Amino acid sequence: MYKVINPFKENLHGGRIYKPGDTYPADGEKLDVKRAEFLTKVHPTYKKAFLEKVEEKKSTKNESYDKKAKKATKKKSDE
C-alpha cells in the first residue's frame, strides 16, 4: 500500500486527482507496482516524490492473544 505525499493527477486512473493523505491506488483501481515505485522516487521535472510506501501492520500471535484476553476479562466484568 502507498500513501500520497504530494498532489498529482494519475492518468492511468482516468485522470483521478490524488491528494496528500490519500491511499494509492484508490478503491477500485488496480495497483501497478512499477508505476507506484516510480512515483516514490523524486521526479526529474517536478523535483518531488508523490508516494511513500506504507508497510501494512501484520497481527502477531501475541496481539491475537491479548485481544482474546481482553474480551474474556470484559465478559467476566459484565456478569
Protein backbone atom coordinates (compact mmCIF):
# COMPACT_ATOMS: atom_id res chain seq x y z
CA MET A 1 0.00 0.00 0.00
CA TYR A 2 1.14 3.55 -0.69
CA LYS A 3 0.27 6.93 0.80
CA VAL A 4 0.13 10.12 -1.26
CA ILE A 5 2.58 12.77 -0.03
CA ASN A 6 2.20 15.35 -2.83
CA PRO A 7 -0.87 16.00 -5.01
CA PHE A 8 -0.89 14.65 -8.55
CA LYS A 9 -3.18 13.64 -11.40
CA GLU A 10 -2.98 9.93 -12.27
CA ASN A 11 -3.73 9.49 -15.96
CA LEU A 12 -3.68 5.70 -15.56
CA HIS A 13 -6.72 6.01 -13.26
CA GLY A 14 -8.89 8.09 -15.55
CA GLY A 15 -7.38 11.43 -14.53
CA ARG A 16 -8.08 10.91 -10.82
CA ILE A 17 -6.62 13.63 -8.60
CA TYR A 18 -4.77 12.22 -5.60
CA LYS A 19 -4.29 14.46 -2.57
CA PRO A 20 -1.83 14.15 0.35
CA GLY A 21 -3.05 11.52 2.80
CA ASP A 22 -4.96 9.53 0.16
CA THR A 23 -4.30 5.84 -0.25
CA TYR A 24 -2.85 4.76 -3.60
CA PRO A 25 -4.35 3.16 -5.55
CA ALA A 26 -7.86 4.35 -4.79
CA ASP A 27 -10.58 1.78 -4.17
CA GLY A 28 -11.49 0.01 -7.38
CA GLU A 29 -8.17 0.79 -9.08
CA LYS A 30 -5.55 -1.82 -9.85
CA LEU A 31 -2.06 -1.43 -8.36
CA ASP A 32 0.70 -1.20 -10.94
CA VAL A 33 3.77 -1.84 -8.78
CA LYS A 34 6.23 -0.40 -11.34
CA ARG A 35 4.19 2.81 -11.55
CA ALA A 36 3.86 3.10 -7.77
CA GLU A 37 7.60 2.56 -7.27
CA PHE A 38 8.30 5.23 -9.92
CA LEU A 39 6.08 7.67 -8.01
CA THR A 40 8.02 7.03 -4.77
CA LYS A 41 11.18 8.45 -6.35
CA VAL A 42 11.91 12.15 -6.84
CA HIS A 43 10.53 13.11 -10.25
CA PRO A 44 13.19 14.72 -12.50
CA THR A 45 10.92 17.54 -13.68
CA TYR A 46 8.83 18.24 -10.56
CA LYS A 47 11.69 17.64 -8.09
CA LYS A 48 9.48 15.74 -5.64
CA ALA A 49 8.14 12.29 -4.91
CA PHE A 50 4.41 11.71 -4.92
CA LEU A 51 4.04 8.49 -2.92
CA GLU A 52 5.59 6.76 0.05
CA LYS A 53 5.32 3.06 0.70
CA VAL A 54 3.39 2.11 3.83
CA GLU A 55 4.02 -1.26 5.39
CA GLU A 56 0.81 -2.93 6.42
CA LYS A 57 0.88 -3.96 10.07
CA LYS A 58 0.59 -7.70 10.46
CA SER A 59 -1.07 -9.14 13.53
CA THR A 60 1.15 -11.26 15.73
CA LYS A 61 0.15 -14.21 17.85
CA ASN A 62 0.62 -12.09 20.97
CA GLU A 63 -1.73 -9.40 19.67
CA SER A 64 -4.38 -12.03 18.94
CA TYR A 65 -3.92 -13.50 22.41
CA ASP A 66 -4.16 -10.03 24.00
CA LYS A 67 -7.42 -9.31 22.18
CA LYS A 68 -8.93 -12.61 23.32
CA ALA A 69 -7.80 -11.98 26.90
CA LYS A 70 -9.37 -8.51 26.90
CA LYS A 71 -12.67 -9.91 25.61
CA ALA A 72 -12.68 -12.64 28.28
CA THR A 73 -11.93 -10.10 31.01
CA LYS A 74 -14.71 -7.82 29.78
CA LYS A 75 -17.23 -10.67 29.73
CA LYS A 76 -16.37 -11.58 33.33
CA SER A 77 -16.73 -7.97 34.48
CA ASP A 78 -20.10 -7.68 32.69
CA GLU A 79 -21.52 -10.68 34.56
